[in-house]
N, C-alpha and C. Protein backbone atom coordinates (compact mmCIF):
# COMPACT_ATOMS: atom_id res chain seq x y z
N MET A 1 0.82 -1.13 0.09
CA MET A 1 -0.11 -0.20 -0.04
C MET A 1 0.96 1.36 0.00
N ALA A 2 0.27 2.10 -0.98
CA ALA A 2 1.23 3.40 -0.69
C ALA A 2 0.36 4.54 -0.29
N THR A 3 0.73 5.61 0.14
CA THR A 3 -0.13 6.80 0.41
C THR A 3 0.18 7.80 -0.62
N VAL A 4 -0.78 8.32 -1.21
CA VAL A 4 -0.62 9.32 -2.46
C VAL A 4 -1.10 10.46 -2.07
N PHE A 5 -0.48 11.68 -2.10
CA PHE A 5 -0.70 13.05 -1.90
C PHE A 5 -0.81 13.74 -3.34
N PHE A 6 -1.94 14.39 -3.26
CA PHE A 6 -2.15 15.36 -4.44
C PHE A 6 -1.83 17.01 -4.13
N THR A 7 -1.51 17.66 -5.09
CA THR A 7 -1.37 19.13 -4.84
C THR A 7 -2.75 19.53 -5.16
N THR A 8 -2.94 20.70 -4.68
CA THR A 8 -4.31 21.63 -4.61
C THR A 8 -4.81 21.37 -5.99
N GLY A 9 -3.84 21.64 -7.00
CA GLY A 9 -4.42 21.81 -8.28
C GLY A 9 -5.10 20.38 -8.91
N LEU A 10 -4.83 19.36 -8.28
CA LEU A 10 -5.38 17.75 -8.60
C LEU A 10 -6.76 17.59 -7.84
N ARG A 11 -6.84 18.14 -6.86
CA ARG A 11 -8.03 17.97 -6.06
C ARG A 11 -9.35 17.98 -6.73
N ARG A 12 -9.49 18.91 -7.81
CA ARG A 12 -10.67 19.03 -8.25
C ARG A 12 -10.89 17.80 -9.28
N TYR A 13 -9.89 17.11 -9.59
CA TYR A 13 -9.96 15.58 -10.19
C TYR A 13 -10.62 14.55 -9.28
N THR A 14 -10.24 14.79 -8.02
CA THR A 14 -10.15 13.51 -7.14
C THR A 14 -11.18 13.91 -5.99
N GLY A 15 -12.39 14.87 -6.46
CA GLY A 15 -13.34 15.22 -5.40
C GLY A 15 -13.13 15.87 -4.39
N GLY A 16 -11.93 16.69 -4.37
CA GLY A 16 -11.54 17.51 -2.96
C GLY A 16 -10.65 16.56 -2.02
N ARG A 17 -10.29 15.16 -2.48
CA ARG A 17 -9.58 14.72 -1.64
C ARG A 17 -7.97 15.04 -1.76
N ASP A 18 -7.23 15.01 -0.78
CA ASP A 18 -5.88 15.54 -0.82
C ASP A 18 -4.84 14.42 -0.70
N ARG A 19 -5.59 13.28 -0.32
CA ARG A 19 -4.72 12.00 -0.07
C ARG A 19 -5.38 10.81 -0.10
N VAL A 20 -4.86 9.68 -0.71
CA VAL A 20 -5.83 8.23 -0.82
C VAL A 20 -4.60 7.12 -0.44
N VAL A 21 -5.13 6.25 -0.29
CA VAL A 21 -4.18 4.92 -0.06
C VAL A 21 -4.44 3.99 -1.40
N ILE A 22 -3.32 3.50 -1.94
CA ILE A 22 -3.47 2.72 -3.04
C ILE A 22 -2.37 1.36 -2.82
N GLU A 23 -2.98 0.34 -3.22
CA GLU A 23 -2.16 -0.95 -3.33
C GLU A 23 -1.51 -1.05 -4.91
N ALA A 24 -0.24 -0.87 -5.11
CA ALA A 24 0.49 -0.91 -6.27
C ALA A 24 1.96 -1.42 -5.70
N ARG A 25 2.35 -2.20 -7.04
CA ARG A 25 3.89 -2.60 -6.93
C ARG A 25 4.97 -1.76 -7.75
N SER A 26 4.20 -0.94 -8.53
CA SER A 26 4.85 -0.04 -9.44
C SER A 26 4.22 1.31 -9.61
N PHE A 27 4.91 2.11 -10.22
CA PHE A 27 4.42 3.47 -10.22
C PHE A 27 3.22 3.47 -11.45
N ARG A 28 3.72 2.47 -12.42
CA ARG A 28 2.72 2.31 -13.70
C ARG A 28 1.26 2.20 -13.21
N GLU A 29 1.34 1.05 -12.27
CA GLU A 29 0.24 0.16 -11.51
C GLU A 29 -0.62 1.28 -10.81
N LEU A 30 0.23 2.11 -9.98
CA LEU A 30 -0.15 3.23 -9.28
C LEU A 30 -1.12 4.10 -10.13
N VAL A 31 -0.59 4.48 -11.17
CA VAL A 31 -1.31 5.52 -11.87
C VAL A 31 -2.78 4.87 -12.65
N THR A 32 -2.79 3.63 -13.02
CA THR A 32 -3.67 2.97 -13.52
C THR A 32 -4.89 2.98 -12.40
N ALA A 33 -4.18 2.61 -11.22
CA ALA A 33 -5.47 2.37 -10.13
C ALA A 33 -6.09 3.68 -9.95
N LEU A 34 -5.17 4.77 -9.80
CA LEU A 34 -5.76 6.20 -9.62
C LEU A 34 -6.85 6.43 -10.73
N GLU A 35 -6.40 6.11 -11.99
CA GLU A 35 -7.19 6.58 -13.32
C GLU A 35 -8.49 5.99 -12.83
N ALA A 36 -8.55 4.58 -12.56
CA ALA A 36 -9.71 3.79 -12.38
C ALA A 36 -10.45 4.28 -11.44
N ARG A 37 -9.95 4.97 -10.30
CA ARG A 37 -10.68 5.52 -9.06
C ARG A 37 -11.32 6.85 -9.42
N PHE A 38 -10.37 7.69 -10.18
CA PHE A 38 -10.68 9.23 -10.50
C PHE A 38 -10.61 9.07 -11.93
N PRO A 39 -11.57 8.71 -12.95
CA PRO A 39 -11.46 8.99 -14.43
C PRO A 39 -11.26 10.43 -14.68
N GLY A 40 -10.34 10.65 -15.66
CA GLY A 40 -9.85 11.80 -16.20
C GLY A 40 -8.63 12.30 -15.34
N LEU A 41 -8.08 11.66 -14.31
CA LEU A 41 -6.98 11.93 -13.83
C LEU A 41 -5.58 12.05 -14.45
N ARG A 42 -5.44 10.93 -15.00
CA ARG A 42 -4.13 10.51 -15.84
C ARG A 42 -3.64 11.75 -16.38
N GLU A 43 -4.30 12.31 -17.48
CA GLU A 43 -3.68 13.35 -18.08
C GLU A 43 -3.26 14.39 -17.18
N PRO A 44 -3.92 15.14 -16.23
CA PRO A 44 -3.49 15.90 -15.46
C PRO A 44 -2.12 15.49 -14.75
N LEU A 45 -2.03 14.15 -14.46
CA LEU A 45 -0.88 13.74 -13.49
C LEU A 45 0.62 14.09 -14.39
N GLU A 46 0.18 13.95 -15.79
CA GLU A 46 1.42 13.80 -16.67
C GLU A 46 2.34 15.16 -16.60
N GLY A 47 1.63 16.35 -16.27
CA GLY A 47 2.24 17.61 -16.12
C GLY A 47 2.82 17.98 -14.69
N ILE A 48 2.64 17.00 -13.71
CA ILE A 48 2.98 17.12 -12.31
C ILE A 48 4.09 16.44 -12.16
N ALA A 49 5.07 17.04 -11.06
CA ALA A 49 6.27 16.24 -10.91
C ALA A 49 5.97 15.31 -9.74
N VAL A 50 6.90 14.29 -9.49
CA VAL A 50 6.68 13.10 -8.51
C VAL A 50 7.88 13.20 -7.66
N ALA A 51 7.59 12.74 -6.43
CA ALA A 51 8.23 12.41 -5.29
C ALA A 51 7.86 11.07 -4.69
N ILE A 52 9.00 10.35 -4.55
CA ILE A 52 8.77 9.03 -4.18
C ILE A 52 9.55 8.90 -2.95
N ASP A 53 8.69 8.62 -1.61
CA ASP A 53 9.78 8.66 -0.32
C ASP A 53 10.59 9.92 -0.33
N GLY A 54 10.21 11.18 -0.66
CA GLY A 54 10.94 12.43 -0.57
C GLY A 54 11.94 12.40 -1.43
N GLU A 55 12.03 11.69 -2.60
CA GLU A 55 13.04 11.98 -3.68
C GLU A 55 12.31 12.09 -5.01
N ILE A 56 12.74 13.35 -5.59
CA ILE A 56 12.04 13.52 -7.13
C ILE A 56 12.38 12.56 -7.85
N VAL A 57 11.35 12.14 -8.63
CA VAL A 57 11.98 11.15 -9.57
C VAL A 57 11.66 11.66 -11.17
N GLN A 58 12.80 11.28 -11.95
CA GLN A 58 12.59 11.66 -13.11
C GLN A 58 11.92 10.94 -14.22
N GLU A 59 11.76 9.63 -13.87
CA GLU A 59 11.20 8.70 -14.70
C GLU A 59 10.52 7.73 -14.03
N PRO A 60 9.27 8.49 -13.42
CA PRO A 60 8.34 7.71 -12.21
C PRO A 60 7.67 6.17 -12.87
N LEU A 61 7.40 6.13 -14.37
CA LEU A 61 6.96 5.05 -14.64
C LEU A 61 7.56 3.97 -14.42
N LEU A 62 8.88 4.03 -14.33
CA LEU A 62 9.86 2.70 -14.14
C LEU A 62 10.28 2.57 -12.77
N GLU A 63 9.55 3.11 -11.74
CA GLU A 63 9.87 2.97 -10.45
C GLU A 63 8.99 2.10 -9.79
N PRO A 64 9.74 0.99 -8.94
CA PRO A 64 8.72 0.18 -7.92
C PRO A 64 8.40 1.00 -6.71
N ILE A 65 7.14 0.44 -6.29
CA ILE A 65 6.68 1.04 -5.27
C ILE A 65 6.71 0.11 -4.01
N GLN A 66 7.48 0.62 -3.02
CA GLN A 66 7.46 -0.39 -1.94
C GLN A 66 6.35 -0.16 -0.94
N PRO A 67 6.01 -1.32 -0.12
CA PRO A 67 4.79 -1.13 0.66
C PRO A 67 5.18 0.06 1.86
N GLY A 68 4.20 0.73 1.98
CA GLY A 68 4.52 2.02 2.86
C GLY A 68 5.03 3.22 2.54
N SER A 69 5.11 3.20 1.22
CA SER A 69 5.81 4.36 0.44
C SER A 69 4.89 5.51 0.42
N GLU A 70 5.29 6.83 0.35
CA GLU A 70 4.46 7.93 0.28
C GLU A 70 4.92 8.57 -1.21
N VAL A 71 3.82 8.73 -2.06
CA VAL A 71 4.02 9.24 -3.28
C VAL A 71 3.39 10.76 -3.26
N HIS A 72 4.20 11.92 -3.46
CA HIS A 72 3.63 13.18 -3.73
C HIS A 72 3.46 13.71 -5.14
N PHE A 73 2.59 14.04 -5.62
CA PHE A 73 2.40 14.76 -6.96
C PHE A 73 2.52 16.22 -6.77
N LEU A 74 3.47 16.84 -7.15
CA LEU A 74 3.90 18.43 -6.84
C LEU A 74 3.84 19.04 -8.11
N PRO A 75 3.70 20.53 -7.97
CA PRO A 75 3.50 21.24 -9.15
C PRO A 75 4.86 21.20 -9.70
N ARG A 76 5.24 21.23 -10.85
CA ARG A 76 6.58 21.18 -11.66
C ARG A 76 7.03 22.69 -11.78
N ILE A 77 8.09 22.91 -11.16
CA ILE A 77 8.65 24.10 -11.19
C ILE A 77 9.65 24.29 -12.42
N SER A 78 9.55 25.31 -13.51
CA SER A 78 10.35 25.57 -14.48
C SER A 78 11.18 26.71 -14.40
N GLY A 79 12.09 26.73 -15.16
CA GLY A 79 13.03 27.96 -14.98
C GLY A 79 14.51 27.52 -14.50
N GLY A 80 15.32 28.24 -14.03
CA GLY A 80 16.53 27.98 -13.70
C GLY A 80 17.29 28.91 -12.88
């Protein structure tokens, strides 16, 4: 089980929820489960940065999800 935290901007797609608990073994499986639970969420997730257990992840679809993980969808910051 992973606890997933949503940004304020994603809450309108999740019915106002800011966190859910999802069972998944990989990030790809996690996104599929979120899309099934919140139809229309997949596309907005693609423009969001991802942190898994406090580490920003560049290629999240390739990441395994360990039991007890925290996954944060964060606003993507551009610029330098």
